Amino acid sequence: MSVIEISGLHKSFGSLQVLKGIDLTVERGDVVCIIGPSGSGKSTLLRCVNLLEQPDSGRVVVDGTELTDPDVDIDRARRRLGMVFQSFNLFNHLNVLDNLTIAQRKVLGRNRDEAERIAGQNLEKVGLAGRERSLPSQLSGGQQQRAAIARALSMDPQVMLFDEPTSALDPELVGDVLGVMRTLAGEGMTMLVVTHEMQFAREVADKVLFMDGGVVVEQGPPAQVIGAPTQERTRTFLARVLNPTGDNP
């Protein structure tokens, strides 16, 4: 059963066409990884899914609700979507626990005890039990990103959107964040992930999309798209990413 349906999605910024008619279906429980060069439209696609960017045309349907319907209650519809950004976006003046409970209380109407219980469960899930009273500045980048994931999970989303969640991290911190994402995938969370982590995409994704120039050039299982791509643009990109020095294996 599909939980995300995107059809004919276009988005421009001024004269620059960033998305040129994207079609995508994501089945419930699937992990879809979006790869491609910088400027290919990957992050814009993700931001159009939850209407952080307003598409120029096309349809986005999430869990049966058309977000692009002018009459939709967008705040209510967005509750189905958890979003994790490159730069964590934690409230620096709030401790970790308050970061995880403020939206639960204000948006979902949970009382403090329930919100703190759910926050605690999700902090334990991401390996941050015991850091509830820490400020973001007292955490490493990887810990801040895991706190951001726990915050999104605390809103009980149907889908998690990840916009290059490891790109701002030091290399030694990447593995912990990817480990949390692997756990979520194993638990059946539907995930749409913009990433440059090819090994993660190869091992975890049910489907990989390669985007370039605002279009989906190739899509399919990772064994096909990453392991045996059919399009020359995909092959060229992967050759550069998987062997950036150009050395012979």
Protein backbone atom coordinates (compact mmCIF):
# COMPACT_ATOMS: atom_id res chain seq x y z
CA MET A 1 0.00 0.00 0.00
CA SER A 2 1.48 3.36 -1.03
CA VAL A 3 1.91 6.01 1.65
CA ILE A 4 3.44 8.71 -0.60
CA GLU A 5 2.27 9.42 -4.13
CA ILE A 6 3.94 12.20 -6.10
CA SER A 7 2.87 12.97 -9.65
CA GLY A 8 3.92 15.64 -12.14
CA LEU A 9 5.79 17.71 -9.54
CA HIS A 10 7.34 20.92 -10.84
CA LYS A 11 9.18 23.61 -8.88
CA SER A 12 11.08 26.65 -10.08
CA PHE A 13 12.93 29.43 -8.29
CA GLY A 14 12.67 32.40 -10.62
CA SER A 15 13.84 31.24 -14.03
CA LEU A 16 15.61 28.17 -12.62
CA GLN A 17 13.64 24.95 -13.04
CA VAL A 18 14.62 22.74 -10.11
CA LEU A 19 12.03 19.95 -10.44
CA LYS A 20 10.79 19.02 -13.91
CA GLY A 21 7.88 16.63 -13.48
CA ILE A 22 8.77 14.19 -10.70
CA ASP A 23 6.73 11.00 -10.28
CA LEU A 24 7.35 8.80 -7.24
CA THR A 25 5.46 6.21 -5.23
CA VAL A 26 6.64 5.08 -1.79
CA GLU A 27 5.10 1.95 -0.31
CA ARG A 28 4.36 1.71 3.41
CA GLY A 29 7.40 0.43 5.28
CA ASP A 30 9.81 1.11 2.42
CA VAL A 31 13.10 3.00 2.59
CA VAL A 32 13.68 5.12 -0.51
CA CYS A 33 17.10 6.74 -0.91
CA ILE A 34 17.54 9.69 -3.27
CA ILE A 35 21.03 10.18 -4.66
CA GLY A 36 22.53 12.55 -7.19
CA PRO A 37 24.89 15.51 -7.62
CA SER A 38 24.48 18.82 -5.82
CA GLY A 39 21.83 20.97 -7.43
CA SER A 40 19.91 18.04 -8.88
CA GLY A 41 16.73 18.87 -6.92
CA LYS A 42 16.94 16.20 -4.20
CA SER A 43 16.41 18.46 -1.18
CA THR A 44 13.79 20.53 -2.99
CA LEU A 45 11.85 17.35 -3.70
CA LEU A 46 11.93 16.44 -0.03
CA ARG A 47 10.84 19.94 1.01
CA CYS A 48 7.96 19.82 -1.47
CA VAL A 49 6.71 16.60 0.12
CA ASN A 50 5.84 18.42 3.34
CA LEU A 51 5.25 21.79 1.63
CA LEU A 52 8.20 23.60 3.16
CA GLU A 53 8.43 24.58 -0.50
CA GLN A 54 5.20 25.10 -2.41
CA PRO A 55 5.22 23.17 -5.71
CA ASP A 56 4.33 25.11 -8.85
CA SER A 57 2.26 22.19 -10.12
CA GLY A 58 1.68 18.50 -9.49
CA ARG A 59 0.23 16.47 -6.66
CA VAL A 60 1.64 15.22 -3.35
CA VAL A 61 -0.50 12.69 -1.46
CA VAL A 62 0.64 11.44 1.95
CA ASP A 63 -1.26 8.70 3.75
CA GLY A 64 -4.38 9.41 1.69
CA THR A 65 -4.36 13.20 2.15
CA GLU A 66 -3.47 15.46 -0.77
CA LEU A 67 -1.13 18.07 0.66
CA THR A 68 -1.29 20.09 -2.57
CA ASP A 69 -5.07 20.53 -2.26
CA PRO A 70 -5.60 24.26 -1.60
CA ASP A 71 -8.22 23.42 1.04
CA VAL A 72 -6.08 20.97 3.02
CA ASP A 73 -5.34 21.66 6.69
CA ILE A 74 -1.59 21.66 6.11
CA ASP A 75 -0.62 21.79 9.80
CA ARG A 76 -2.72 18.71 10.50
CA ALA A 77 -1.43 16.92 7.40
CA ARG A 78 2.20 17.64 8.31
CA ARG A 79 1.79 15.71 11.56
CA ARG A 80 2.11 12.54 9.47
CA LEU A 81 5.63 13.60 8.47
CA GLY A 82 8.77 13.76 10.57
CA MET A 83 11.61 15.86 9.12
CA VAL A 84 15.32 15.65 9.96
CA PHE A 85 17.52 18.37 8.48
CA GLN A 86 21.23 18.64 7.76
CA SER A 87 21.75 21.18 10.54
CA PHE A 88 19.78 19.58 13.41
CA ASN A 89 17.52 22.65 13.99
CA LEU A 90 17.32 22.11 17.73
CA PHE A 91 16.30 25.00 19.98
CA ASN A 92 19.65 26.00 21.49
CA HIS A 93 18.08 27.63 24.57
CA LEU A 94 16.14 24.48 25.52
CA ASN A 95 17.54 21.28 26.95
CA VAL A 96 17.13 17.99 25.11
CA LEU A 97 13.98 16.97 26.96
CA ASP A 98 12.26 20.30 26.32
CA ASN A 99 13.26 20.10 22.65
CA LEU A 100 11.43 16.78 22.46
CA THR A 101 8.34 17.78 24.42
CA ILE A 102 7.47 21.31 23.28
CA ALA A 103 5.82 20.30 19.98
CA GLN A 104 4.13 17.28 21.57
CA ARG A 105 2.45 19.57 24.07
CA LYS A 106 1.66 22.52 21.80
CA VAL A 107 0.71 20.62 18.62
CA LEU A 108 -0.56 17.25 19.84
CA GLY A 109 -1.97 18.49 23.14
CA ARG A 110 -0.18 15.93 25.30
CA ASN A 111 0.30 16.67 28.97
CA ARG A 112 3.81 17.07 30.34
CA ASP A 113 4.02 13.59 31.87
CA GLU A 114 2.96 11.82 28.68
CA ALA A 115 5.21 13.99 26.52
CA GLU A 116 8.20 13.31 28.77
CA ARG A 117 7.49 9.57 28.81
CA ILE A 118 7.41 9.42 25.01
CA ALA A 119 10.50 11.61 24.77
CA GLY A 120 12.35 9.30 27.15
CA GLN A 121 11.45 6.24 25.09
CA ASN A 122 12.75 7.87 21.91
CA LEU A 123 15.93 9.16 23.55
CA GLU A 124 16.64 5.61 24.68
CA LYS A 125 15.98 4.38 21.13
CA VAL A 126 18.62 6.73 19.71
CA GLY A 127 21.15 6.07 22.49
CA LEU A 128 20.76 9.34 24.41
CA ALA A 129 19.18 8.13 27.66
CA GLY A 130 20.62 10.23 30.47
CA ARG A 131 21.17 13.34 28.35
CA GLU A 132 17.69 14.80 28.90
CA ARG A 133 18.98 17.87 30.78
CA SER A 134 21.85 18.64 28.38
CA LEU A 135 21.75 21.69 26.17
CA PRO A 136 22.42 21.14 22.45
CA SER A 137 25.76 22.95 22.84
CA GLN A 138 26.84 20.22 25.28
CA LEU A 139 26.31 17.48 22.69
CA SER A 140 28.44 16.40 19.77
CA GLY A 141 27.08 16.89 16.27
CA GLY A 142 26.14 13.25 16.06
CA GLN A 143 24.32 13.41 19.38
CA GLN A 144 22.46 16.54 18.27
CA GLN A 145 21.34 14.79 15.10
CA ARG A 146 20.19 11.75 17.06
CA ALA A 147 18.25 14.10 19.37
CA ALA A 148 16.65 15.65 16.28
CA ILE A 149 15.61 12.18 15.10
CA ALA A 150 14.14 11.42 18.54
CA ARG A 151 12.26 14.72 18.44
CA ALA A 152 10.71 13.83 15.07
CA LEU A 153 9.81 10.33 16.27
CA SER A 154 8.08 11.77 19.34
CA MET A 155 5.39 13.22 17.06
CA ASP A 156 4.37 9.69 15.92
CA PRO A 157 4.93 10.29 12.19
CA GLN A 158 3.81 7.89 9.49
CA VAL A 159 6.80 8.86 7.35
CA MET A 160 10.28 10.12 8.19
CA LEU A 161 12.03 12.51 5.79
CA PHE A 162 15.82 12.80 6.07
CA ASP A 163 17.63 15.58 4.20
CA GLU A 164 21.30 14.53 4.09
CA PRO A 165 21.29 13.86 7.84
CA THR A 166 25.01 13.05 8.03
CA SER A 167 26.45 15.73 5.74
CA ALA A 168 27.28 18.16 8.57
CA LEU A 169 28.93 15.52 10.76
CA ASP A 170 32.55 14.60 11.29
CA PRO A 171 33.24 11.21 9.67
CA GLU A 172 33.61 9.37 12.98
CA LEU A 173 30.11 10.48 14.06
CA VAL A 174 28.29 9.36 10.91
CA GLY A 175 28.02 5.70 11.90
CA ASP A 176 25.96 6.36 15.04
CA VAL A 177 23.33 8.33 13.10
CA LEU A 178 23.18 5.75 10.32
CA GLY A 179 22.84 3.06 12.99
CA VAL A 180 19.71 4.75 14.33
CA MET A 181 18.31 4.98 10.81
CA ARG A 182 19.05 1.30 10.21
CA THR A 183 17.10 0.48 13.38
CA LEU A 184 14.13 2.54 12.22
CA ALA A 185 14.20 0.81 8.84
CA GLY A 186 14.27 -2.57 10.57
CA GLU A 187 11.22 -1.58 12.60
CA GLY A 188 9.27 -0.82 9.42
CA MET A 189 9.34 2.97 9.42
CA THR A 190 8.61 4.46 5.98
CA MET A 191 11.61 6.65 5.13
CA LEU A 192 12.52 9.02 2.31
CA VAL A 193 16.24 9.75 2.57
CA VAL A 194 18.37 12.21 0.61
CA THR A 195 21.89 10.90 1.13
CA HIS A 196 25.39 10.62 -0.21
CA GLU A 197 26.06 7.53 1.92
CA MET A 198 26.15 4.94 -0.86
CA GLN A 199 26.83 1.97 1.40
CA PHE A 200 23.80 2.83 3.52
CA ALA A 201 21.65 3.14 0.40
CA ARG A 202 22.99 -0.14 -0.95
CA GLU A 203 22.28 -2.05 2.28
CA VAL A 204 19.08 -0.45 3.61
CA ALA A 205 17.08 0.99 0.70
CA ASP A 206 14.20 -0.84 -0.94
CA LYS A 207 14.39 1.66 -3.81
CA VAL A 208 17.05 4.10 -5.00
CA LEU A 209 16.34 7.18 -7.11
CA PHE A 210 19.13 8.84 -9.05
CA MET A 211 18.27 12.47 -9.81
CA ASP A 212 20.09 14.88 -12.09
CA GLY A 213 18.97 18.15 -13.59
CA GLY A 214 15.61 18.08 -11.85
CA VAL A 215 14.48 14.72 -13.23
CA VAL A 216 14.59 11.11 -12.06
CA VAL A 217 17.15 9.56 -14.38
CA GLU A 218 16.93 6.07 -12.96
CA GLN A 219 15.12 4.26 -10.16
CA GLY A 220 14.91 0.72 -8.88
CA PRO A 221 16.41 -1.64 -6.31
CA PRO A 222 19.88 -0.67 -5.08
CA ALA A 223 21.41 -3.75 -6.71
CA GLN A 224 20.30 -2.31 -10.04
CA VAL A 225 20.76 1.44 -9.63
CA ILE A 226 24.01 1.32 -7.64
CA GLY A 227 25.26 -2.12 -8.62
CA ALA A 228 24.40 -2.20 -12.33
CA PRO A 229 23.06 1.17 -13.52
CA THR A 230 21.61 1.30 -17.02
CA GLN A 231 22.01 5.05 -17.62
CA GLU A 232 25.33 6.66 -18.50
CA ARG A 233 24.62 9.65 -16.24
CA THR A 234 24.14 7.31 -13.30
CA ARG A 235 27.33 5.38 -14.09
CA THR A 236 29.36 8.59 -14.34
CA PHE A 237 28.04 9.91 -11.02
CA LEU A 238 28.66 6.65 -9.17
CA ALA A 239 32.17 6.33 -10.61
CA ARG A 240 33.02 9.73 -9.13
CA VAL A 241 31.35 9.08 -5.78
CA LEU A 242 32.57 5.52 -5.23
CA ASN A 243 36.12 6.20 -6.48
CA PRO A 244 36.65 9.94 -5.94
CA THR A 245 40.45 9.78 -6.33
CA GLY A 246 40.19 8.13 -9.72
CA ASP A 247 42.58 5.40 -8.63
CA ASN A 248 42.32 1.96 -10.10
CA PRO A 249 40.83 -0.55 -7.64
